N, C-alpha and C. Protein backbone atom coordinates (compact mmCIF):
# COMPACT_ATOMS: atom_id res chain seq x y z
N MET A 1 151.10 95.78 99.22
CA MET A 1 150.44 94.57 99.62
C MET A 1 149.94 93.87 98.36
N ASN A 2 150.10 92.59 98.31
CA ASN A 2 149.63 91.78 97.20
C ASN A 2 148.11 91.79 97.16
N SER A 3 147.54 91.76 95.98
CA SER A 3 146.08 91.83 95.85
C SER A 3 145.37 90.65 96.51
N GLY A 4 146.07 89.56 96.74
CA GLY A 4 145.46 88.42 97.42
C GLY A 4 145.15 88.68 98.88
N PHE A 5 145.68 89.75 99.43
CA PHE A 5 145.48 90.07 100.85
C PHE A 5 144.63 91.32 101.04
N THR A 6 143.89 91.73 100.03
CA THR A 6 143.08 92.94 100.15
C THR A 6 141.62 92.63 100.50
N ASP A 7 141.40 91.51 101.19
CA ASP A 7 140.04 91.20 101.64
C ASP A 7 139.70 92.08 102.84
N ASN A 8 138.42 92.23 103.11
CA ASN A 8 137.97 93.13 104.18
C ASN A 8 138.52 92.75 105.55
N ASP A 9 138.58 91.45 105.87
CA ASP A 9 139.06 91.04 107.19
C ASP A 9 140.50 91.48 107.41
N THR A 10 141.35 91.27 106.42
CA THR A 10 142.76 91.66 106.54
C THR A 10 142.91 93.16 106.67
N LEU A 11 142.20 93.90 105.83
CA LEU A 11 142.30 95.36 105.87
C LEU A 11 141.77 95.92 107.19
N GLU A 12 140.65 95.38 107.67
CA GLU A 12 140.10 95.84 108.94
C GLU A 12 141.04 95.54 110.10
N ALA A 13 141.69 94.38 110.09
CA ALA A 13 142.63 94.03 111.15
C ALA A 13 143.80 95.02 111.17
N GLN A 14 144.27 95.40 110.00
CA GLN A 14 145.37 96.37 109.94
C GLN A 14 144.90 97.73 110.43
N GLU A 15 143.72 98.14 110.01
CA GLU A 15 143.19 99.43 110.44
C GLU A 15 142.98 99.46 111.96
N ASP A 16 142.48 98.37 112.52
CA ASP A 16 142.27 98.30 113.97
C ASP A 16 143.57 98.47 114.75
N ARG A 17 144.67 98.07 114.15
CA ARG A 17 145.98 98.16 114.80
C ARG A 17 146.75 99.42 114.39
N GLY A 18 146.11 100.28 113.60
CA GLY A 18 146.77 101.51 113.17
C GLY A 18 147.87 101.29 112.14
N ILE A 19 147.82 100.18 111.44
CA ILE A 19 148.84 99.87 110.43
C ILE A 19 148.41 100.47 109.09
N GLU A 20 149.26 101.31 108.53
CA GLU A 20 148.98 101.88 107.22
C GLU A 20 149.36 100.87 106.15
N TYR A 21 148.64 100.91 105.05
CA TYR A 21 148.92 99.96 103.98
C TYR A 21 148.56 100.55 102.63
N LYS A 22 149.11 99.98 101.61
CA LYS A 22 148.73 100.25 100.23
C LYS A 22 148.53 98.89 99.59
N GLY A 23 147.46 98.75 98.86
CA GLY A 23 147.19 97.46 98.24
C GLY A 23 146.76 97.63 96.80
N ARG A 24 147.01 96.62 96.04
CA ARG A 24 146.59 96.59 94.65
C ARG A 24 145.36 95.70 94.58
N LEU A 25 144.29 96.20 93.98
CA LEU A 25 143.10 95.40 93.83
C LEU A 25 143.30 94.37 92.73
N ARG A 26 142.65 93.23 92.88
CA ARG A 26 142.65 92.24 91.81
C ARG A 26 142.05 92.88 90.56
N ASN A 27 142.29 92.27 89.43
CA ASN A 27 141.68 92.78 88.20
C ASN A 27 140.18 92.84 88.38
N HIS A 28 139.62 93.93 87.95
CA HIS A 28 138.19 94.15 88.11
C HIS A 28 137.66 94.58 86.75
N SER A 29 137.04 93.64 86.04
CA SER A 29 136.63 93.90 84.66
C SER A 29 135.67 95.07 84.54
N ARG A 30 134.78 95.26 85.51
CA ARG A 30 133.83 96.37 85.44
C ARG A 30 134.57 97.71 85.48
N LEU A 31 135.58 97.83 86.33
CA LEU A 31 136.35 99.07 86.37
C LEU A 31 137.14 99.26 85.08
N GLN A 32 137.65 98.17 84.51
CA GLN A 32 138.38 98.28 83.25
C GLN A 32 137.45 98.77 82.14
N VAL A 33 136.23 98.26 82.11
CA VAL A 33 135.26 98.71 81.11
C VAL A 33 134.94 100.18 81.32
N LEU A 34 134.71 100.59 82.57
CA LEU A 34 134.44 102.00 82.84
C LEU A 34 135.59 102.87 82.38
N ALA A 35 136.80 102.43 82.65
CA ALA A 35 137.98 103.21 82.26
C ALA A 35 138.06 103.35 80.75
N LEU A 36 137.81 102.28 80.03
CA LEU A 36 137.86 102.34 78.57
C LEU A 36 136.73 103.20 78.02
N ASP A 37 135.52 103.01 78.56
CA ASP A 37 134.37 103.78 78.09
C ASP A 37 134.53 105.27 78.35
N ARG A 38 135.20 105.59 79.42
CA ARG A 38 135.30 107.00 79.84
C ARG A 38 136.66 107.62 79.57
N LYS A 39 137.47 106.96 78.79
CA LYS A 39 138.84 107.40 78.57
C LYS A 39 138.92 108.87 78.16
N HIS A 40 137.99 109.31 77.36
CA HIS A 40 138.05 110.69 76.88
C HIS A 40 137.06 111.60 77.59
N GLY A 41 136.42 111.12 78.64
CA GLY A 41 135.44 111.92 79.37
C GLY A 41 136.04 112.63 80.56
N SER A 42 135.22 113.40 81.21
CA SER A 42 135.63 114.15 82.39
C SER A 42 135.63 113.25 83.62
N ALA A 43 136.69 113.26 84.37
CA ALA A 43 136.80 112.41 85.56
C ALA A 43 135.71 112.74 86.58
N GLU A 44 135.40 114.00 86.73
CA GLU A 44 134.40 114.41 87.72
C GLU A 44 133.02 113.85 87.38
N VAL A 45 132.70 113.82 86.11
CA VAL A 45 131.38 113.36 85.69
C VAL A 45 131.19 111.89 85.99
N HIS A 46 132.25 111.11 85.88
CA HIS A 46 132.15 109.66 86.00
C HIS A 46 132.61 109.12 87.35
N MET A 47 132.99 109.98 88.27
CA MET A 47 133.50 109.52 89.56
C MET A 47 132.46 108.71 90.33
N ALA A 48 131.21 109.07 90.25
CA ALA A 48 130.17 108.34 90.97
C ALA A 48 130.08 106.90 90.48
N GLU A 49 130.23 106.69 89.17
CA GLU A 49 130.19 105.33 88.63
C GLU A 49 131.36 104.51 89.15
N VAL A 50 132.53 105.09 89.15
CA VAL A 50 133.72 104.38 89.62
C VAL A 50 133.59 104.07 91.10
N LYS A 51 133.15 105.06 91.87
CA LYS A 51 132.98 104.86 93.31
C LYS A 51 131.96 103.76 93.58
N SER A 52 130.88 103.74 92.83
CA SER A 52 129.87 102.71 92.99
C SER A 52 130.45 101.33 92.68
N ALA A 53 131.23 101.24 91.63
CA ALA A 53 131.85 99.96 91.26
C ALA A 53 132.81 99.50 92.34
N LEU A 54 133.56 100.42 92.91
CA LEU A 54 134.49 100.07 93.99
C LEU A 54 133.74 99.61 95.23
N ASP A 55 132.66 100.29 95.57
CA ASP A 55 131.88 99.91 96.74
C ASP A 55 131.36 98.49 96.61
N VAL A 56 130.91 98.13 95.43
CA VAL A 56 130.42 96.77 95.20
C VAL A 56 131.56 95.78 95.34
N HIS A 57 132.71 96.11 94.77
CA HIS A 57 133.86 95.20 94.78
C HIS A 57 134.42 95.02 96.19
N LEU A 58 134.43 96.07 96.98
CA LEU A 58 135.05 96.01 98.30
C LEU A 58 134.09 95.54 99.38
N SER A 59 132.82 95.42 99.06
CA SER A 59 131.84 95.00 100.07
C SER A 59 131.93 93.53 100.35
């Protein structure tokens, strides 16, 4: 799915109908910064930060 269609309304409509999907998120500078800052760190240690950034973006 194109990133232009990954808004909550579209995704919820698909979920309500049992339609599976894969989507690419639009560029998200905060996630890019986290990825660069944490490139050499442990994924487990930084997962909460990434999850928090995603929650903000997807809300």
